[in-house]
Structure formats: C-alpha cells, structure tokens
Amino acid sequence: MNFTPFVVSFKLAFITTLVLFILVLPVAYALSGSKSRLKPFIESIAALPLVLPPTVMGFYLLFTFSKNSTIGGFLFENFGIELVFSFSGLVFASCIYSLPFMFQPLLSGFESLNKNIIEASYLSGKSKITTLFFIALPNIKPSLITAFVITFAHTVGEFGIVLMVGGSVEGKTKVASIAIYEFSEIMDYSSAHIYSAIMLIISFVVLLSVYFFNQKAKS
C-alpha cells in the first residue's frame, strides 16, 4: 500500500495550520476588541469559504495564478513562483479554504475572554504581545485547540479546491482524498475502501479529541 498521499495530506495540513495560526492570530485578537464598522466586512470575508463552493474558489485561483494570467505570469517570470499544480500552490489554496476554521474559534475565544484580565495586564505594564501570548492565549485553550484540530482535519479532507489547483502529481500534490477519487474512477474499490476507512478513523479521532478536551475543560 502506498502511504505517500497520506504523507502529502498531513504535510499540507500541518503547514497550512501553522501558517494560518501565524497570520490569523493577530487579526482575530485585534478584531475581538474592535468596534469598527469594518468588522462585519472582515468577518464576512473570513467566513466566505464556508458557503462558497470549492470549485468556484478553485477556478478563480486557477485562473488568477496560471502562467497565462497577468499575476501568475509575473510571479513565474520574476520570482520563479509557480502556484498551479505545485505544493506551494496547494498550501496557498488550503490557507484560503481553511481560513474560517482557524479564524472563527480564535475570534470567539478572544471575544468571550474577560476583558478585565486584558486591562489588568496592560495596567501592569505588559506589552500587547506579552498579553496576547501569556495572558490571552492560555485563557482560551479550548478555542485554541479547536482551531488547530479542526483546521488540520479540514485540510486533510479537502478535495475540490485541491484537485483544481494542485491536480494529481504523485508525491507532490496527490493527497489522500484525490487518491480515493482516482481509485473509484478505475473501480479499484478495495484500495478506495482502505483509504476511506483510514480517513474515516482519522476524522472520528480528531472530532472525539476536540469534544473530549472541551468537555474536560468545562468540568
């Protein structure tokens, strides 16, 4: 049995989760205490992948970053960056598609945080960065764990946008979900069953761990 698609899936999920955490953390933290009129607009953009079909997003990314497009051609000719049918392109697409799963839990966690704790930290002379990492984050552990686990699991299970942007390059962009699709196409149902069962078990364990942790945190 070839486990390479799972390796690619987990590598993609790990990098995507890490990149999203770094990018989303300061935005969610700043937005949680903001009363700006732009807040609903930003939240809508962040939540858009939840309602937008993956094929629609995949089409626009494919159109925008192909070598024949203005942006894609510029990136390739000047920086050698090729986002279509490459692993870096998969990471970029996955970060966009999995954005809500990192953004929403972190924002909800920060919004539910007792603001007196944050104010007390500022009054004691601590910087915003120190307050974020040593005061805010430790107090929203359930939301933090949920953001990490759900983002990781969602990325592992991606199909539509991965297929359109990354294609199926063995050892490079061929993830587990694509492998299952291809097995079904050639009617290799035995391999499809094995791959699907592994994905089912992983998904269940991930969700069980989230609910178990959150239940334990509440008790």
C-alpha atoms as a PDB file:
ATOM      1  CA  MET A   1       0.000   0.000   0.000  1.00  0.00           C
ATOM      2  CA  ASN A   2       1.290   3.447  -0.951  1.00  0.00           C
ATOM      3  CA  PHE A   3       1.152   5.841   2.009  1.00  0.00           C
ATOM      4  CA  THR A   4       2.623   8.792   0.074  1.00  0.00           C
ATOM      5  CA  PRO A   5      -0.778  10.517  -0.420  1.00  0.00           C
ATOM      6  CA  PHE A   6      -1.293  10.472   3.357  1.00  0.00           C
ATOM      7  CA  VAL A   7       2.185  11.920   3.902  1.00  0.00           C
ATOM      8  CA  VAL A   8       1.390  14.719   1.445  1.00  0.00           C
ATOM      9  CA  SER A   9      -2.002  15.289   3.129  1.00  0.00           C
ATOM     10  CA  PHE A  10      -0.526  15.543   6.616  1.00  0.00           C
ATOM     11  CA  LYS A  11       2.360  17.723   5.435  1.00  0.00           C
ATOM     12  CA  LEU A  12      -0.109  20.054   3.727  1.00  0.00           C
ATOM     13  CA  ALA A  13      -2.379  20.133   6.791  1.00  0.00           C
ATOM     14  CA  PHE A  14       0.499  20.828   9.195  1.00  0.00           C
ATOM     15  CA  ILE A  15       1.953  23.691   7.132  1.00  0.00           C
ATOM     16  CA  THR A  16      -1.494  25.174   6.435  1.00  0.00           C
ATOM     17  CA  THR A  17      -2.438  25.090  10.119  1.00  0.00           C
ATOM     18  CA  LEU A  18       0.839  26.692  11.166  1.00  0.00           C
ATOM     19  CA  VAL A  19       0.676  29.439   8.518  1.00  0.00           C
ATOM     20  CA  LEU A  20      -2.959  30.227   9.308  1.00  0.00           C
ATOM     21  CA  PHE A  21      -2.263  30.422  13.035  1.00  0.00           C
ATOM     22  CA  ILE A  22       0.573  32.905  12.488  1.00  0.00           C
ATOM     23  CA  LEU A  23      -1.490  35.045  10.128  1.00  0.00           C
ATOM     24  CA  VAL A  24      -4.877  34.847  11.829  1.00  0.00           C
ATOM     25  CA  LEU A  25      -3.831  35.183  15.485  1.00  0.00           C
ATOM     26  CA  PRO A  26      -3.058  38.948  15.498  1.00  0.00           C
ATOM     27  CA  VAL A  27      -6.075  39.712  13.294  1.00  0.00           C
ATOM     28  CA  ALA A  28      -8.529  37.770  15.479  1.00  0.00           C
ATOM     29  CA  TYR A  29      -7.069  39.299  18.643  1.00  0.00           C
ATOM     30  CA  ALA A  30      -7.272  42.865  17.322  1.00  0.00           C
ATOM     31  CA  LEU A  31     -10.741  42.308  15.871  1.00  0.00           C
ATOM     32  CA  SER A  32     -12.135  40.838  19.104  1.00  0.00           C
ATOM     33  CA  GLY A  33     -11.848  44.178  20.870  1.00  0.00           C
ATOM     34  CA  SER A  34     -12.730  46.322  17.890  1.00  0.00           C
ATOM     35  CA  LYS A  35     -15.987  48.191  17.298  1.00  0.00           C
ATOM     36  CA  SER A  36     -15.025  49.273  13.809  1.00  0.00           C
ATOM     37  CA  ARG A  37     -17.655  49.310  11.079  1.00  0.00           C
ATOM     38  CA  LEU A  38     -15.264  47.191   9.023  1.00  0.00           C
ATOM     39  CA  LYS A  39     -15.517  44.290  11.466  1.00  0.00           C
ATOM     40  CA  PRO A  40     -18.594  42.650   9.825  1.00  0.00           C
ATOM     41  CA  PHE A  41     -16.924  43.072   6.433  1.00  0.00           C
ATOM     42  CA  ILE A  42     -13.744  41.335   7.604  1.00  0.00           C
ATOM     43  CA  GLU A  43     -15.728  38.568   9.298  1.00  0.00           C
ATOM     44  CA  SER A  44     -17.735  38.023   6.112  1.00  0.00           C
ATOM     45  CA  ILE A  45     -14.589  37.682   4.017  1.00  0.00           C
ATOM     46  CA  ALA A  46     -13.094  35.234   6.517  1.00  0.00           C
ATOM     47  CA  ALA A  47     -16.279  33.143   6.538  1.00  0.00           C
ATOM     48  CA  LEU A  48     -16.792  33.200   2.759  1.00  0.00           C
ATOM     49  CA  PRO A  49     -15.117  29.804   2.132  1.00  0.00           C
ATOM     50  CA  LEU A  50     -17.816  28.191   4.308  1.00  0.00           C
ATOM     51  CA  VAL A  51     -20.552  28.991   1.778  1.00  0.00           C
ATOM     52  CA  LEU A  52     -18.592  29.336  -1.452  1.00  0.00           C
ATOM     53  CA  PRO A  53     -18.322  26.082  -3.477  1.00  0.00           C
ATOM     54  CA  PRO A  54     -14.714  24.812  -3.570  1.00  0.00           C
ATOM     55  CA  THR A  55     -14.897  24.588  -7.362  1.00  0.00           C
ATOM     56  CA  VAL A  56     -15.690  28.315  -7.599  1.00  0.00           C
ATOM     57  CA  MET A  57     -12.747  29.253  -5.424  1.00  0.00           C
ATOM     58  CA  GLY A  58     -10.540  26.724  -7.198  1.00  0.00           C
ATOM     59  CA  PHE A  59     -11.496  28.131 -10.591  1.00  0.00           C
ATOM     60  CA  TYR A  60     -10.618  31.704  -9.630  1.00  0.00           C
ATOM     61  CA  LEU A  61      -7.317  30.648  -8.069  1.00  0.00           C
ATOM     62  CA  LEU A  62      -6.503  28.564 -11.132  1.00  0.00           C
ATOM     63  CA  PHE A  63      -7.420  31.455 -13.428  1.00  0.00           C
ATOM     64  CA  THR A  64      -5.507  34.037 -11.379  1.00  0.00           C
ATOM     65  CA  PHE A  65      -2.258  32.135 -10.848  1.00  0.00           C
ATOM     66  CA  SER A  66      -1.825  30.199 -14.077  1.00  0.00           C
ATOM     67  CA  LYS A  67       1.190  31.152 -16.203  1.00  0.00           C
ATOM     68  CA  ASN A  68      -1.120  32.634 -18.825  1.00  0.00           C
ATOM     69  CA  SER A  69      -2.593  35.172 -16.405  1.00  0.00           C
ATOM     70  CA  THR A  70      -1.077  38.548 -15.573  1.00  0.00           C
ATOM     71  CA  ILE A  71      -0.418  37.762 -11.897  1.00  0.00           C
ATOM     72  CA  GLY A  72       0.673  34.167 -12.453  1.00  0.00           C
ATOM     73  CA  GLY A  73       2.930  35.129 -15.341  1.00  0.00           C
ATOM     74  CA  PHE A  74       4.520  37.931 -13.310  1.00  0.00           C
ATOM     75  CA  LEU A  75       5.224  35.650 -10.334  1.00  0.00           C
ATOM     76  CA  PHE A  76       6.744  32.955 -12.517  1.00  0.00           C
ATOM     77  CA  GLU A  77       8.861  35.209 -14.737  1.00  0.00           C
ATOM     78  CA  ASN A  78      10.217  37.425 -11.942  1.00  0.00           C
ATOM     79  CA  PHE A  79      10.373  35.128  -8.927  1.00  0.00           C
ATOM     80  CA  GLY A  80      10.084  31.627 -10.352  1.00  0.00           C
ATOM     81  CA  ILE A  81       6.953  31.047  -8.283  1.00  0.00           C
ATOM     82  CA  GLU A  82       4.501  28.586  -9.789  1.00  0.00           C
ATOM     83  CA  LEU A  83       1.328  28.192  -7.741  1.00  0.00           C
ATOM     84  CA  VAL A  84      -0.637  25.992 -10.132  1.00  0.00           C
ATOM     85  CA  PHE A  85      -0.034  22.221  -9.869  1.00  0.00           C
ATOM     86  CA  SER A  86       2.596  22.707  -7.181  1.00  0.00           C
ATOM     87  CA  PHE A  87       2.747  22.038  -3.446  1.00  0.00           C
ATOM     88  CA  SER A  88       3.208  25.729  -2.658  1.00  0.00           C
ATOM     89  CA  GLY A  89       0.024  26.390  -4.601  1.00  0.00           C
ATOM     90  CA  LEU A  90      -1.766  23.761  -2.530  1.00  0.00           C
ATOM     91  CA  VAL A  91      -0.652  25.490   0.659  1.00  0.00           C
ATOM     92  CA  PHE A  92      -1.861  28.851  -0.618  1.00  0.00           C
ATOM     93  CA  ALA A  93      -5.240  27.460  -1.690  1.00  0.00           C
ATOM     94  CA  SER A  94      -5.657  25.480   1.538  1.00  0.00           C
ATOM     95  CA  CYS A  95      -4.917  28.545   3.654  1.00  0.00           C
ATOM     96  CA  ILE A  96      -7.752  30.389   1.921  1.00  0.00           C
ATOM     97  CA  TYR A  97     -10.202  27.489   2.057  1.00  0.00           C
ATOM     98  CA  SER A  98      -9.440  26.554   5.698  1.00  0.00           C
ATOM     99  CA  LEU A  99      -9.326  30.163   6.918  1.00  0.00           C
ATOM    100  CA  PRO A 100     -12.757  30.111   8.680  1.00  0.00           C
ATOM    101  CA  PHE A 101     -11.804  27.057  10.730  1.00  0.00           C
ATOM    102  CA  MET A 102      -8.889  28.897  12.275  1.00  0.00           C
ATOM    103  CA  PHE A 103     -10.418  32.364  12.374  1.00  0.00           C
ATOM    104  CA  GLN A 104     -13.836  31.661  13.908  1.00  0.00           C
ATOM    105  CA  PRO A 105     -12.716  29.662  17.001  1.00  0.00           C
ATOM    106  CA  LEU A 106      -9.940  32.140  17.804  1.00  0.00           C
ATOM    107  CA  LEU A 107     -12.217  35.149  17.396  1.00  0.00           C
ATOM    108  CA  SER A 108     -14.941  33.550  19.537  1.00  0.00           C
ATOM    109  CA  GLY A 109     -12.390  32.642  22.181  1.00  0.00           C
ATOM    110  CA  PHE A 110     -10.967  36.150  22.384  1.00  0.00           C
ATOM    111  CA  GLU A 111     -14.449  37.715  22.415  1.00  0.00           C
ATOM    112  CA  SER A 112     -15.519  35.506  25.332  1.00  0.00           C
ATOM    113  CA  LEU A 113     -12.412  36.410  27.297  1.00  0.00           C
ATOM    114  CA  ASN A 114     -12.913  38.582  30.368  1.00  0.00           C
ATOM    115  CA  LYS A 115     -11.703  41.983  29.238  1.00  0.00           C
ATOM    116  CA  ASN A 116     -10.740  42.896  32.820  1.00  0.00           C
ATOM    117  CA  ILE A 117      -7.889  40.396  32.578  1.00  0.00           C
ATOM    118  CA  ILE A 118      -6.547  42.132  29.480  1.00  0.00           C
ATOM    119  CA  GLU A 119      -6.925  45.590  31.002  1.00  0.00           C
ATOM    120  CA  ALA A 120      -5.154  44.450  34.171  1.00  0.00           C
ATOM    121  CA  SER A 121      -2.272  43.154  32.089  1.00  0.00           C
ATOM    122  CA  TYR A 122      -1.934  46.469  30.256  1.00  0.00           C
ATOM    123  CA  LEU A 123      -2.136  48.436  33.509  1.00  0.00           C
ATOM    124  CA  SER A 124       0.659  46.332  34.992  1.00  0.00           C
ATOM    125  CA  GLY A 125       2.920  47.454  32.162  1.00  0.00           C
ATOM    126  CA  LYS A 126       2.829  44.349  29.975  1.00  0.00           C
ATOM    127  CA  SER A 127       3.003  44.859  26.199  1.00  0.00           C
ATOM    128  CA  LYS A 128       0.314  43.758  23.763  1.00  0.00           C
ATOM    129  CA  ILE A 129       2.463  40.858  22.555  1.00  0.00           C
ATOM    130  CA  THR A 130       3.156  39.665  26.104  1.00  0.00           C
ATOM    131  CA  THR A 131      -0.524  39.988  26.972  1.00  0.00           C
ATOM    132  CA  LEU A 132      -1.521  38.025  23.882  1.00  0.00           C
ATOM    133  CA  PHE A 133       0.827  35.096  24.388  1.00  0.00           C
ATOM    134  CA  PHE A 134       0.978  34.858  28.168  1.00  0.00           C
ATOM    135  CA  ILE A 135      -2.450  36.109  29.251  1.00  0.00           C
ATOM    136  CA  ALA A 136      -4.983  35.779  26.435  1.00  0.00           C
ATOM    137  CA  LEU A 137      -3.951  32.503  24.784  1.00  0.00           C
ATOM    138  CA  PRO A 138      -3.651  30.443  27.996  1.00  0.00           C
ATOM    139  CA  ASN A 139      -7.190  31.519  28.900  1.00  0.00           C
ATOM    140  CA  ILE A 140      -8.758  30.353  25.629  1.00  0.00           C
ATOM    141  CA  LYS A 141      -7.241  26.857  25.447  1.00  0.00           C
ATOM    142  CA  PRO A 142     -10.471  25.122  24.294  1.00  0.00           C
ATOM    143  CA  SER A 143     -10.867  27.580  21.414  1.00  0.00           C
ATOM    144  CA  LEU A 144      -7.180  27.314  20.573  1.00  0.00           C
ATOM    145  CA  ILE A 145      -7.240  23.501  20.485  1.00  0.00           C
ATOM    146  CA  THR A 146     -10.445  23.541  18.445  1.00  0.00           C
ATOM    147  CA  ALA A 147      -8.920  25.940  15.914  1.00  0.00           C
ATOM    148  CA  PHE A 148      -5.809  23.805  15.489  1.00  0.00           C
ATOM    149  CA  VAL A 149      -7.513  20.429  15.315  1.00  0.00           C
ATOM    150  CA  ILE A 150     -10.440  21.408  13.083  1.00  0.00           C
ATOM    151  CA  THR A 151      -8.191  23.344  10.676  1.00  0.00           C
ATOM    152  CA  PHE A 152      -5.830  20.376  10.435  1.00  0.00           C
ATOM    153  CA  ALA A 153      -8.642  17.865   9.925  1.00  0.00           C
ATOM    154  CA  HIS A 154     -10.446  20.032   7.384  1.00  0.00           C
ATOM    155  CA  THR A 155      -7.276  20.463   5.344  1.00  0.00           C
ATOM    156  CA  VAL A 156      -6.605  16.725   5.363  1.00  0.00           C
ATOM    157  CA  GLY A 157     -10.080  16.123   3.946  1.00  0.00           C
ATOM    158  CA  GLU A 158     -10.013  18.777   1.204  1.00  0.00           C
ATOM    159  CA  PHE A 159     -10.847  17.632  -2.315  1.00  0.00           C
ATOM    160  CA  GLY A 160     -12.389  20.118  -4.756  1.00  0.00           C
ATOM    161  CA  ILE A 161     -10.001  23.032  -4.438  1.00  0.00           C
ATOM    162  CA  VAL A 162      -7.029  20.668  -4.089  1.00  0.00           C
ATOM    163  CA  LEU A 163      -7.925  18.878  -7.314  1.00  0.00           C
ATOM    164  CA  MET A 164      -8.361  22.095  -9.285  1.00  0.00           C
ATOM    165  CA  VAL A 165      -5.273  23.934  -8.029  1.00  0.00           C
ATOM    166  CA  GLY A 166      -2.886  21.057  -7.369  1.00  0.00           C
ATOM    167  CA  GLY A 167      -4.039  18.342  -9.711  1.00  0.00           C
ATOM    168  CA  SER A 168      -2.665  14.868  -9.024  1.00  0.00           C
ATOM    169  CA  VAL A 169       1.116  14.890  -9.148  1.00  0.00           C
ATOM    170  CA  GLU A 170       2.444  11.774  -7.423  1.00  0.00           C
ATOM    171  CA  GLY A 171       4.450  12.603  -4.294  1.00  0.00           C
ATOM    172  CA  LYS A 172       3.848  16.316  -4.765  1.00  0.00           C
ATOM    173  CA  THR A 173       0.173  17.296  -4.884  1.00  0.00           C
ATOM    174  CA  LYS A 174      -1.633  13.943  -4.817  1.00  0.00           C
ATOM    175  CA  VAL A 175      -3.309  13.895  -1.402  1.00  0.00           C
ATOM    176  CA  ALA A 176      -5.375  11.074   0.138  1.00  0.00           C
ATOM    177  CA  SER A 177      -8.734  12.454  -0.986  1.00  0.00           C
ATOM    178  CA  ILE A 178      -7.514  12.610  -4.594  1.00  0.00           C
ATOM    179  CA  ALA A 179      -6.185   9.059  -4.336  1.00  0.00           C
ATOM    180  CA  ILE A 180      -9.617   7.819  -3.200  1.00  0.00           C
ATOM    181  CA  TYR A 181     -11.257   9.577  -6.129  1.00  0.00           C
ATOM    182  CA  GLU A 182      -8.829   8.030  -8.605  1.00  0.00           C
ATOM    183  CA  PHE A 183      -9.285   4.549  -7.125  1.00  0.00           C
ATOM    184  CA  SER A 184     -13.026   4.936  -7.563  1.00  0.00           C
ATOM    185  CA  GLU A 185     -12.551   6.104 -11.149  1.00  0.00           C
ATOM    186  CA  ILE A 186     -10.651   2.935 -12.087  1.00  0.00           C
ATOM    187  CA  MET A 187     -13.012   0.809  -9.951  1.00  0.00           C
ATOM    188  CA  ASP A 188     -10.277  -0.257  -7.541  1.00  0.00           C
ATOM    189  CA  TYR A 189     -12.782  -0.341  -4.729  1.00  0.00           C
ATOM    190  CA  SER A 190     -10.566  -2.383  -2.434  1.00  0.00           C
ATOM    191  CA  SER A 191      -7.926   0.351  -2.257  1.00  0.00           C
ATOM    192  CA  ALA A 192     -10.632   3.022  -2.088  1.00  0.00           C
ATOM    193  CA  HIS A 193     -12.182   1.257   0.910  1.00  0.00           C
ATOM    194  CA  ILE A 194      -8.840   1.083   2.728  1.00  0.00           C
ATOM    195  CA  TYR A 195      -8.011   4.746   2.110  1.00  0.00           C
ATOM    196  CA  SER A 196     -11.554   5.826   3.012  1.00  0.00           C
ATOM    197  CA  ALA A 197     -11.535   3.783   6.215  1.00  0.00           C
ATOM    198  CA  ILE A 198      -8.269   5.396   7.289  1.00  0.00           C
ATOM    199  CA  MET A 199      -9.688   8.859   6.589  1.00  0.00           C
ATOM    200  CA  LEU A 200     -12.887   7.995   8.483  1.00  0.00           C
ATOM    201  CA  ILE A 201     -10.956   6.807  11.533  1.00  0.00           C
ATOM    202  CA  ILE A 202      -8.716   9.889  11.488  1.00  0.00           C
ATOM    203  CA  SER A 203     -11.719  12.216  11.226  1.00  0.00           C
ATOM    204  CA  PHE A 204     -13.542  10.496  14.071  1.00  0.00           C
ATOM    205  CA  VAL A 205     -10.498  10.507  16.361  1.00  0.00           C
ATOM    206  CA  VAL A 206      -9.916  14.196  15.631  1.00  0.00           C
ATOM    207  CA  LEU A 207     -13.510  15.161  16.445  1.00  0.00           C
ATOM    208  CA  LEU A 208     -13.585  12.916  19.514  1.00  0.00           C
ATOM    209  CA  SER A 209     -10.414  14.525  20.856  1.00  0.00           C
ATOM    210  CA  VAL A 210     -11.891  18.010  20.414  1.00  0.00           C
ATOM    211  CA  TYR A 211     -15.162  17.168  22.170  1.00  0.00           C
ATOM    212  CA  PHE A 212     -13.346  15.252  24.908  1.00  0.00           C
ATOM    213  CA  PHE A 213     -10.961  18.122  25.586  1.00  0.00           C
ATOM    214  CA  ASN A 214     -13.722  20.715  25.606  1.00  0.00           C
ATOM    215  CA  GLN A 215     -15.848  18.579  27.916  1.00  0.00           C
ATOM    216  CA  LYS A 216     -12.927  18.133  30.258  1.00  0.00           C
ATOM    217  CA  ALA A 217     -12.186  21.858  30.207  1.00  0.00           C
ATOM    218  CA  LYS A 218     -15.780  22.669  31.207  1.00  0.00           C
ATOM    219  CA  SER A 219     -15.855  20.225  34.122  1.00  0.00           C
END
